[in-house]
Amino acid sequence: MPVEVLTDPGRLRAVLPITEVLGPASLAYLDECDLQPAELDMVDAIPRGHADLTTLLASVPMHDADECGLATITSDAFVVRRGNHVVAAAGYQRWSK
């Protein structure tokens, strides 16, 4: 079956309960020689629900905070700080088996 058939929205709606579509997302990767890392103070791991993570989520529009999923991670939050402020974060949610 061609990929276009497998990803056809009408065909997917017929077999999956799609309630919302986000995207498309664009990703870009640089060659190592083109990467210019930001001057940041620290990379750290903090417990999920930490006040600094809550502050970061409160600093963006609610729909962005909801979409990023940081409020529902089950791992620690891996954060980048500038001074005392968390400026970026990532984490993951463990799926049940």
Protein backbone atom coordinates (compact mmCIF):
# COMPACT_ATOMS: atom_id res chain seq x y z
CA MET A 1 0.00 0.00 0.00
CA PRO A 2 1.45 3.45 -0.85
CA VAL A 3 2.39 5.73 2.07
CA GLU A 4 -0.04 8.39 0.84
CA VAL A 5 -2.92 5.97 1.40
CA LEU A 6 -1.73 5.12 4.92
CA THR A 7 -1.54 8.78 5.92
CA ASP A 8 -4.74 9.98 4.23
CA PRO A 9 -6.72 11.94 6.89
CA GLY A 10 -10.09 10.65 5.65
CA ARG A 11 -8.94 7.06 5.81
CA LEU A 12 -7.44 7.55 9.29
CA ARG A 13 -10.65 9.16 10.59
CA ALA A 14 -12.55 6.07 9.51
CA VAL A 15 -10.48 3.79 11.79
CA LEU A 16 -9.11 6.09 14.52
CA PRO A 17 -10.95 8.46 16.85
CA ILE A 18 -9.01 11.62 15.90
CA THR A 19 -10.21 14.52 18.02
CA GLU A 20 -7.45 17.07 17.37
CA VAL A 21 -4.59 17.56 14.94
CA LEU A 22 -1.48 19.54 15.81
CA GLY A 23 1.15 20.57 13.33
CA PRO A 24 2.72 20.21 10.99
CA ALA A 25 5.95 20.46 12.89
CA SER A 26 9.18 21.46 11.22
CA LEU A 27 12.48 20.15 12.46
CA ALA A 28 15.87 21.41 11.39
CA TYR A 29 19.23 19.86 12.09
CA LEU A 30 22.53 21.66 11.69
CA ASP A 31 25.89 20.30 10.78
CA GLU A 32 28.16 20.28 13.82
CA CYS A 33 30.30 23.07 12.35
CA ASP A 34 27.18 25.31 11.99
CA LEU A 35 25.95 24.89 15.57
CA GLN A 36 26.50 27.92 17.79
CA PRO A 37 25.37 26.95 21.30
CA ALA A 38 23.84 29.64 23.47
CA GLU A 39 25.78 30.86 26.45
CA LEU A 40 23.80 29.25 29.25
CA ASP A 41 24.65 28.90 32.88
CA MET A 42 23.63 25.37 33.76
CA VAL A 43 21.86 22.21 32.70
CA ASP A 44 20.12 20.49 35.60
CA ALA A 45 17.59 17.80 36.52
CA ILE A 46 14.77 18.79 38.86
CA PRO A 47 11.79 16.79 40.16
CA ARG A 48 8.59 17.00 38.15
CA GLY A 49 6.27 19.57 39.67
CA HIS A 50 9.23 21.66 40.92
CA ALA A 51 8.38 25.35 41.43
CA ASP A 52 10.87 26.41 38.73
CA LEU A 53 9.11 24.20 36.18
CA THR A 54 5.73 25.57 37.26
CA THR A 55 7.08 29.10 36.77
CA LEU A 56 8.29 28.25 33.26
CA LEU A 57 4.88 26.80 32.31
CA ALA A 58 3.09 29.86 33.76
CA SER A 59 5.22 32.13 31.56
CA VAL A 60 3.74 30.87 28.28
CA PRO A 61 0.17 30.88 26.93
CA MET A 62 -1.96 28.09 28.43
CA HIS A 63 -2.41 26.26 25.11
CA ASP A 64 1.39 26.11 24.68
CA ALA A 65 1.85 24.82 28.24
CA ASP A 66 -0.81 22.15 27.63
CA GLU A 67 0.66 21.13 24.28
CA CYS A 68 4.21 20.70 25.57
CA GLY A 69 3.14 18.02 28.06
CA LEU A 70 5.56 19.03 30.82
CA ALA A 71 2.75 19.02 33.38
CA THR A 72 2.26 15.27 32.89
CA ILE A 73 5.83 13.97 32.74
CA THR A 74 6.72 11.07 35.02
CA SER A 75 10.47 11.62 34.80
CA ASP A 76 12.53 14.39 36.30
CA ALA A 77 12.54 17.57 34.24
CA PHE A 78 15.82 18.21 32.47
CA VAL A 79 16.20 21.97 32.41
CA VAL A 80 18.46 24.67 31.06
CA ARG A 81 18.94 27.72 33.22
CA ARG A 82 20.04 31.24 32.55
CA GLY A 83 20.92 32.63 35.95
CA ASN A 84 18.23 31.37 38.33
CA HIS A 85 15.57 31.08 35.61
CA VAL A 86 14.61 27.89 33.77
CA VAL A 87 14.52 28.82 30.08
CA ALA A 88 13.98 25.35 28.55
CA ALA A 89 12.83 21.97 29.80
CA ALA A 90 12.23 18.42 28.63
CA GLY A 91 10.99 15.24 30.21
CA TYR A 92 9.16 12.07 29.37
CA GLN A 93 6.11 10.13 30.42
CA ARG A 94 6.53 6.41 31.07
CA TRP A 95 3.93 4.39 29.20
CA SER A 96 2.25 1.49 30.93
CA LYS A 97 3.09 -1.97 29.60
